[in-house]
Amino acid sequence: MSCLNRLYLKLLLILGLSFSTHARISISIEQDIYEYAKEILADQSISEFTEEIFNHPRCQRDVVEFLIAQRALLEGGFQHTFSFTLGNYDARNLKLLESGLLLMSFDTIWLSQANTIAQKVYISPPIINKGAYFAGIYTSASNKTRLREKISTDLSQISIVSSKAWLVDWVTLTALAPQQLHHEDDWITMAKLVSNGWVDAMLVSFNNTRPFYYEGQGYRIEALEGVKVALQDSRHFVVSRLHPQGEEAYNALKRGLTKLKAKNFIYQSYRHCGFINPLVDDWHTL
């Protein structure tokens, strides 16, 4: 940990001793996920939204988890409020959690990844169980027919873009032996590379549109029909052990998740979003 980070952490710990009952805590979040969540939530409060809000064309797994994390904390009795810092934090959040500069990730991470920093974080019970995560192979609309003909038992005839920070994705893709595997940190940049045909494809979770697609400024990517990739690990929220509110947040998170699971709230949220999707049950699994 750098001297600057140690100094900042000491300041946080000192301030933590004198925080009011309701502290305001900064959380870093991907800008597109924040904007989609804001649109989906509309005027509803975190304490009142229902699973049905996720039946929305802007929904994706990250959006569900961003809102579920806040709901679980609230239902578990965590009274502090959040201010959100927007940007590209995928590759940095683990380091921030490790150092105590970030309370928790509002996006789940793979258990194998969480275990690499297990001494510095609390790991929640699984939000997505091992064996329940399937991703589609997404490409540009003009490339779908050509690529589908090239995929049989592996990806050896196509190029793929992913991120080394997504450990399970990267290991899975490496095993599927693509012709080329490119690293890129930013999801939107990946989508633009694929949409413009500079890279053939990328892995993305399914949503509730049919045909399955994602689009935004400068990109549109669509899933290849009939084929999916199994990512064999469970996904969890992680909370920093070194943050002044870390233990309090983790205990509240556990209580809240237990309540939400008892109501089948999390499963139904994923179903409405399309992440857990019966439409792909019969698709061939790589």
Protein backbone atom coordinates (compact mmCIF):
# COMPACT_ATOMS: atom_id res chain seq x y z
CA MET A 1 0.00 0.00 0.00
CA SER A 2 1.43 3.44 -0.90
CA CYS A 3 2.18 6.06 1.76
CA LEU A 4 -0.64 8.20 0.39
CA ASN A 5 -3.12 5.32 0.65
CA ARG A 6 -1.98 4.55 4.22
CA LEU A 7 -2.42 8.19 5.19
CA TYR A 8 -5.88 8.29 3.63
CA LEU A 9 -6.87 5.04 5.35
CA LYS A 10 -5.72 6.39 8.74
CA LEU A 11 -7.81 9.50 8.11
CA LEU A 12 -10.83 7.34 7.29
CA LEU A 13 -10.35 5.32 10.47
CA ILE A 14 -10.02 8.47 12.58
CA LEU A 15 -13.10 9.98 10.99
CA GLY A 16 -14.91 6.67 11.49
CA LEU A 17 -14.65 7.12 15.24
CA SER A 18 -16.48 10.42 15.06
CA PHE A 19 -18.90 9.73 12.19
CA SER A 20 -22.49 10.64 12.82
CA THR A 21 -25.02 7.82 12.93
CA HIS A 22 -25.68 8.27 9.21
CA ALA A 23 -22.38 8.70 7.36
CA ARG A 24 -22.21 9.40 3.62
CA ILE A 25 -20.02 6.82 1.91
CA SER A 26 -18.45 7.12 -1.55
CA ILE A 27 -18.91 4.16 -3.92
CA SER A 28 -17.30 3.88 -7.36
CA ILE A 29 -19.53 2.51 -10.11
CA GLU A 30 -19.44 2.17 -13.89
CA GLN A 31 -21.17 5.20 -15.41
CA ASP A 32 -23.34 3.26 -17.88
CA ILE A 33 -24.59 0.91 -15.12
CA TYR A 34 -25.47 3.88 -12.90
CA GLU A 35 -27.38 5.60 -15.71
CA TYR A 36 -29.28 2.41 -16.68
CA ALA A 37 -30.18 1.75 -13.04
CA LYS A 38 -31.41 5.31 -12.63
CA GLU A 39 -33.61 4.94 -15.72
CA ILE A 40 -35.00 1.56 -14.59
CA LEU A 41 -35.63 2.67 -11.02
CA ALA A 42 -37.35 5.86 -12.26
CA ASP A 43 -39.02 7.56 -9.30
CA GLN A 44 -39.17 4.50 -7.05
CA SER A 45 -37.15 4.34 -3.86
CA ILE A 46 -34.63 1.60 -3.06
CA SER A 47 -36.90 0.37 -0.27
CA GLU A 48 -39.99 0.01 -2.48
CA PHE A 49 -39.04 -1.21 -5.97
CA THR A 50 -40.33 -4.63 -7.06
CA GLU A 51 -38.72 -7.33 -9.20
CA GLU A 52 -40.89 -6.28 -12.15
CA ILE A 53 -38.84 -3.14 -12.76
CA PHE A 54 -36.12 -5.34 -14.25
CA ASN A 55 -38.38 -6.28 -17.16
CA HIS A 56 -36.82 -3.36 -19.00
CA PRO A 57 -34.77 -3.13 -22.22
CA ARG A 58 -31.89 -1.42 -20.39
CA CYS A 59 -31.57 -4.19 -17.81
CA GLN A 60 -28.47 -6.35 -17.45
CA ARG A 61 -26.92 -8.39 -14.65
CA ASP A 62 -24.80 -5.52 -13.32
CA VAL A 63 -27.86 -3.27 -13.00
CA VAL A 64 -29.76 -5.90 -10.99
CA GLU A 65 -26.82 -6.30 -8.63
CA PHE A 66 -26.28 -2.56 -8.22
CA LEU A 67 -29.86 -2.17 -6.98
CA ILE A 68 -30.02 -5.49 -5.10
CA ALA A 69 -26.89 -4.60 -3.09
CA GLN A 70 -28.45 -1.34 -1.93
CA ARG A 71 -31.77 -3.03 -1.13
CA ALA A 72 -30.05 -5.78 0.89
CA LEU A 73 -28.03 -3.28 2.92
CA LEU A 74 -31.17 -1.28 3.67
CA GLU A 75 -33.21 -4.34 4.66
CA GLY A 76 -30.31 -5.48 6.83
CA GLY A 77 -30.40 -2.24 8.79
CA PHE A 78 -27.49 -0.31 7.23
CA GLN A 79 -28.50 3.32 7.72
CA HIS A 80 -25.69 5.14 5.93
CA THR A 81 -26.20 6.81 2.54
CA PHE A 82 -24.03 6.64 -0.57
CA SER A 83 -22.54 9.07 -3.02
CA PHE A 84 -21.58 7.51 -6.35
CA THR A 85 -18.37 8.25 -8.21
CA LEU A 86 -18.84 7.40 -11.89
CA GLY A 87 -16.16 6.13 -14.25
CA ASN A 88 -14.34 3.01 -15.42
CA TYR A 89 -13.55 1.14 -12.20
CA ASP A 90 -13.66 -2.55 -13.21
CA ALA A 91 -9.91 -2.98 -13.06
CA ARG A 92 -9.39 -0.79 -9.97
CA ASN A 93 -12.12 -1.76 -7.52
CA LEU A 94 -10.32 -4.86 -6.20
CA LYS A 95 -7.30 -2.75 -5.25
CA LEU A 96 -9.56 -0.16 -3.60
CA LEU A 97 -11.36 -2.88 -1.63
CA GLU A 98 -8.05 -4.44 -0.58
CA SER A 99 -6.75 -1.14 0.75
CA GLY A 100 -9.97 -0.15 2.54
CA LEU A 101 -10.59 2.85 0.28
CA LEU A 102 -13.82 1.30 -1.06
CA LEU A 103 -16.51 -0.13 1.24
CA MET A 104 -17.82 -2.79 -1.13
CA SER A 105 -18.34 -3.66 -4.75
CA PHE A 106 -21.92 -3.17 -5.91
CA ASP A 107 -21.21 -5.68 -8.66
CA THR A 108 -20.61 -9.35 -7.76
CA ILE A 109 -17.26 -10.96 -8.46
CA TRP A 110 -16.21 -14.56 -8.99
CA LEU A 111 -15.38 -16.59 -5.88
CA SER A 112 -11.99 -17.56 -7.31
CA GLN A 113 -11.21 -13.87 -7.68
CA ALA A 114 -12.54 -12.97 -4.22
CA ASN A 115 -10.40 -15.72 -2.68
CA THR A 116 -7.23 -14.00 -3.91
CA ILE A 117 -7.93 -11.14 -1.46
CA ALA A 118 -9.86 -13.13 1.16
CA GLN A 119 -7.73 -11.81 4.03
CA LYS A 120 -8.76 -8.24 3.19
CA VAL A 121 -12.47 -8.70 2.41
CA TYR A 122 -15.64 -10.32 3.69
CA ILE A 123 -17.23 -12.58 1.05
CA SER A 124 -21.02 -12.83 0.93
CA PRO A 125 -22.96 -16.06 0.41
CA PRO A 126 -23.33 -16.82 -3.32
CA ILE A 127 -25.64 -14.52 -5.26
CA ILE A 128 -25.28 -16.67 -8.38
CA ASN A 129 -24.53 -20.34 -7.69
CA LYS A 130 -21.85 -22.28 -9.51
CA GLY A 131 -23.30 -23.75 -12.69
CA ALA A 132 -26.00 -21.09 -13.05
CA TYR A 133 -23.98 -18.58 -15.10
CA PHE A 134 -24.22 -18.80 -18.89
CA ALA A 135 -23.00 -16.14 -21.30
CA GLY A 136 -23.81 -15.57 -24.92
CA ILE A 137 -21.31 -15.04 -27.73
CA TYR A 138 -22.08 -11.56 -29.04
CA THR A 139 -21.02 -10.11 -32.38
CA SER A 140 -22.12 -7.48 -34.90
CA ALA A 141 -25.42 -8.05 -36.71
CA SER A 142 -23.64 -8.33 -40.06
CA ASN A 143 -21.26 -10.98 -38.69
CA LYS A 144 -23.75 -13.39 -37.08
CA THR A 145 -24.25 -15.88 -39.91
CA ARG A 146 -20.56 -16.10 -40.80
CA LEU A 147 -19.47 -16.61 -37.20
CA ARG A 148 -22.14 -19.17 -36.33
CA GLU A 149 -20.83 -21.39 -39.11
CA LYS A 150 -17.31 -21.20 -37.64
CA ILE A 151 -18.20 -22.32 -34.11
CA SER A 152 -18.49 -26.02 -33.27
CA THR A 153 -16.71 -27.38 -30.18
CA ASP A 154 -14.40 -24.40 -29.59
CA LEU A 155 -13.64 -20.84 -30.75
CA SER A 156 -10.52 -21.66 -32.75
CA GLN A 157 -11.72 -19.91 -35.90
CA ILE A 158 -12.71 -16.55 -34.39
CA SER A 159 -11.17 -13.66 -32.44
CA ILE A 160 -12.47 -12.68 -28.98
CA VAL A 161 -12.05 -9.65 -26.73
CA SER A 162 -12.26 -9.85 -22.94
CA SER A 163 -10.43 -8.60 -19.85
CA LYS A 164 -7.72 -10.30 -17.81
CA ALA A 165 -9.38 -8.71 -14.77
CA TRP A 166 -12.37 -11.03 -15.37
CA LEU A 167 -10.53 -14.11 -14.21
CA VAL A 168 -13.12 -16.83 -14.92
CA ASP A 169 -14.02 -15.34 -18.32
CA TRP A 170 -10.36 -15.18 -19.30
CA VAL A 171 -9.57 -18.73 -18.16
CA THR A 172 -12.69 -20.09 -19.86
CA LEU A 173 -11.93 -18.32 -23.12
CA THR A 174 -8.31 -19.42 -23.05
CA ALA A 175 -9.49 -23.03 -22.73
CA LEU A 176 -11.78 -22.56 -25.73
CA ALA A 177 -8.68 -21.62 -27.77
CA PRO A 178 -9.82 -18.65 -29.87
CA GLN A 179 -7.80 -17.72 -32.91
CA GLN A 180 -6.94 -14.48 -31.09
CA LEU A 181 -7.77 -13.36 -27.53
CA HIS A 182 -7.48 -9.61 -26.99
CA HIS A 183 -7.35 -7.85 -23.61
CA GLU A 184 -9.32 -4.64 -23.00
CA ASP A 185 -10.28 -3.10 -19.64
CA ASP A 186 -13.38 -1.15 -20.67
CA TRP A 187 -16.63 -2.98 -21.54
CA ILE A 188 -17.94 -0.27 -23.88
CA THR A 189 -14.67 -0.23 -25.79
CA MET A 190 -14.99 -4.02 -26.18
CA ALA A 191 -18.52 -3.60 -27.52
CA LYS A 192 -17.37 -0.99 -30.04
CA LEU A 193 -14.51 -3.21 -31.22
CA VAL A 194 -16.99 -6.04 -31.85
CA SER A 195 -19.72 -3.84 -33.30
CA ASN A 196 -17.31 -2.35 -35.83
CA GLY A 197 -15.96 -5.77 -36.82
CA TRP A 198 -12.41 -5.19 -35.57
CA VAL A 199 -12.79 -8.19 -33.25
CA ASP A 200 -15.24 -11.02 -33.98
CA ALA A 201 -16.98 -11.49 -30.63
CA MET A 202 -17.19 -11.09 -26.85
CA LEU A 203 -18.95 -12.90 -23.99
CA VAL A 204 -21.95 -11.11 -22.48
CA SER A 205 -24.72 -12.34 -20.20
CA PHE A 206 -28.22 -12.72 -21.62
CA ASN A 207 -30.93 -10.09 -21.15
CA ASN A 208 -34.69 -9.90 -21.70
CA THR A 209 -34.68 -8.81 -25.34
CA ARG A 210 -35.14 -11.24 -28.22
CA PRO A 211 -33.05 -11.48 -30.28
CA PHE A 212 -30.56 -10.85 -27.47
CA TYR A 213 -28.66 -7.62 -28.03
CA TYR A 214 -27.00 -4.65 -26.34
CA GLU A 215 -26.69 -1.23 -27.89
CA GLY A 216 -25.46 2.20 -26.92
CA GLN A 217 -23.71 5.17 -28.43
CA GLY A 218 -21.44 3.79 -31.14
CA TYR A 219 -22.22 0.09 -30.77
CA ARG A 220 -24.79 -2.68 -31.19
CA ILE A 221 -23.92 -6.32 -30.49
CA GLU A 222 -26.16 -9.39 -30.87
CA ALA A 223 -25.95 -12.94 -29.52
CA LEU A 224 -25.26 -15.85 -31.83
CA GLU A 225 -28.36 -18.06 -31.73
CA GLY A 226 -28.10 -21.61 -30.40
CA VAL A 227 -24.77 -21.48 -28.56
CA LYS A 228 -23.74 -20.39 -25.05
CA VAL A 229 -20.69 -20.58 -22.80
CA ALA A 230 -20.75 -21.99 -19.25
CA LEU A 231 -18.74 -20.05 -16.67
CA GLN A 232 -18.12 -22.46 -13.79
CA ASP A 233 -17.86 -20.41 -10.63
CA SER A 234 -20.17 -18.70 -8.13
CA ARG A 235 -20.49 -14.92 -7.80
CA HIS A 236 -20.44 -12.94 -4.56
CA PHE A 237 -20.52 -9.43 -3.15
CA VAL A 238 -17.34 -8.49 -1.28
CA VAL A 239 -16.96 -5.95 1.52
CA SER A 240 -13.64 -4.46 2.64
CA ARG A 241 -12.48 -5.57 6.09
CA LEU A 242 -10.34 -2.41 6.36
CA HIS A 243 -13.06 0.17 5.72
CA PRO A 244 -14.43 1.86 8.88
CA GLN A 245 -17.95 0.63 8.08
CA GLY A 246 -16.85 -2.73 6.66
CA GLU A 247 -17.99 -5.09 9.42
CA GLU A 248 -21.25 -3.19 9.91
CA ALA A 249 -21.99 -3.27 6.18
CA TYR A 250 -21.18 -6.97 5.86
CA ASN A 251 -23.45 -7.98 8.72
CA ALA A 252 -26.27 -5.86 7.30
CA LEU A 253 -25.67 -7.28 3.83
CA LYS A 254 -25.94 -10.86 5.10
CA ARG A 255 -29.18 -10.11 6.94
CA GLY A 256 -30.65 -8.34 3.94
CA LEU A 257 -29.68 -11.04 1.45
CA THR A 258 -31.25 -13.68 3.69
CA LYS A 259 -34.52 -11.73 3.68
CA LEU A 260 -34.46 -11.19 -0.09
CA LYS A 261 -33.67 -14.84 -0.82
CA ALA A 262 -36.50 -15.98 1.46
CA LYS A 263 -38.89 -13.94 -0.71
CA ASN A 264 -37.29 -15.28 -3.94
CA PHE A 265 -36.60 -11.63 -4.74
CA ILE A 266 -33.09 -12.11 -6.16
CA TYR A 267 -34.00 -15.06 -8.40
CA GLN A 268 -37.07 -13.28 -9.77
CA SER A 269 -35.06 -10.11 -10.39
CA TYR A 270 -32.58 -12.08 -12.52
CA ARG A 271 -35.47 -13.79 -14.34
CA HIS A 272 -37.20 -10.51 -15.17
CA CYS A 273 -33.89 -9.10 -16.41
CA GLY A 274 -33.30 -12.17 -18.58
CA PHE A 275 -29.98 -13.17 -17.04
CA ILE A 276 -31.55 -16.45 -15.89
CA ASN A 277 -33.30 -17.27 -19.14
CA PRO A 278 -35.29 -20.40 -20.03
CA LEU A 279 -35.13 -19.41 -23.72
CA VAL A 280 -31.51 -20.60 -23.86
CA ASP A 281 -31.92 -23.83 -21.85
CA ASP A 282 -31.67 -25.99 -24.98
CA TRP A 283 -28.80 -24.07 -26.59
CA HIS A 284 -25.53 -25.94 -27.16
CA THR A 285 -23.02 -25.31 -24.34
CA LEU A 286 -19.32 -24.84 -25.10
